[in-house]
């Protein structure tokens, strides 16, 4: 598959990058990584607007992530 080969090739040419939602923002409750999966699926399925998804994520972070306070 040409597309898959191209994507694998990118990994050979790029440096690693931090994944904030997983490495940092998944440490609290609610866990942002899990919340991202949840709201993303709801937006894609038309059950949640992007604006409501953003608000849900921000409200969750505001409960525990100090820079948000």
Protein backbone atom coordinates (compact mmCIF):
# COMPACT_ATOMS: atom_id res chain seq x y z
CA UNK A 1 0.00 0.00 0.00
CA UNK A 2 1.61 3.24 -1.17
CA UNK A 3 -0.07 5.41 1.46
CA UNK A 4 1.05 3.15 4.31
CA UNK A 5 4.59 3.05 2.95
CA UNK A 6 4.68 6.85 2.80
CA UNK A 7 3.48 7.14 6.39
CA UNK A 8 6.04 4.61 7.63
CA UNK A 9 8.70 6.54 5.74
CA UNK A 10 7.81 9.71 7.64
CA UNK A 11 8.74 7.99 10.88
CA UNK A 12 12.23 7.28 9.58
CA UNK A 13 12.77 10.96 8.75
CA UNK A 14 11.25 12.73 11.73
CA UNK A 15 12.24 13.22 15.32
CA UNK A 16 10.06 12.12 18.19
CA UNK A 17 7.57 14.58 19.54
CA UNK A 18 5.81 14.93 22.86
CA UNK A 19 2.19 13.87 22.90
CA UNK A 20 0.76 16.32 25.42
CA UNK A 21 -2.63 14.67 25.74
CA UNK A 22 -1.03 11.34 26.57
CA UNK A 23 2.21 12.16 28.37
CA UNK A 24 1.09 15.14 30.43
CA UNK A 25 -2.62 15.79 30.32
CA UNK A 26 -3.65 12.21 31.04
CA UNK A 27 -2.30 12.39 34.58
CA UNK A 28 -5.38 13.86 36.19
CA UNK A 29 -9.06 13.18 36.48
CA UNK A 30 -10.70 13.37 34.08
CA UNK A 31 -7.97 11.89 31.90
CA UNK A 32 -7.69 14.12 28.81
CA UNK A 33 -6.51 11.30 26.53
CA UNK A 34 -9.65 9.28 27.28
CA UNK A 35 -11.82 12.37 27.02
CA UNK A 36 -10.32 13.23 23.61
CA UNK A 37 -11.21 9.78 22.29
CA UNK A 38 -14.72 10.09 23.70
CA UNK A 39 -15.59 13.55 22.40
CA UNK A 40 -13.89 12.96 19.04
CA UNK A 41 -16.09 9.93 18.42
CA UNK A 42 -19.18 11.87 19.46
CA UNK A 43 -18.32 14.76 17.11
CA UNK A 44 -17.65 12.41 14.19
CA UNK A 45 -20.97 10.63 14.85
CA UNK A 46 -22.89 13.91 15.04
CA UNK A 47 -23.82 13.47 18.70
CA UNK A 48 -21.79 16.44 19.96
CA UNK A 49 -20.89 19.75 18.35
CA UNK A 50 -17.22 20.72 18.12
CA UNK A 51 -17.95 23.67 20.40
CA UNK A 52 -19.55 21.44 23.03
CA UNK A 53 -16.65 19.01 22.75
CA UNK A 54 -14.13 21.81 23.32
CA UNK A 55 -16.08 23.05 26.33
CA UNK A 56 -16.28 19.54 27.80
CA UNK A 57 -12.52 19.08 27.42
CA UNK A 58 -11.71 22.50 28.88
CA UNK A 59 -14.11 22.02 31.78
CA UNK A 60 -12.41 18.72 32.60
CA UNK A 61 -8.93 20.26 32.50
CA UNK A 62 -10.05 23.18 34.64
CA UNK A 63 -10.84 20.71 37.44
CA UNK A 64 -7.23 19.65 37.97
CA UNK A 65 -4.66 21.16 35.56
CA UNK A 66 -2.97 24.04 37.39
CA UNK A 67 -2.05 26.22 34.36
CA UNK A 68 -5.75 26.34 33.51
CA UNK A 69 -6.53 27.87 36.90
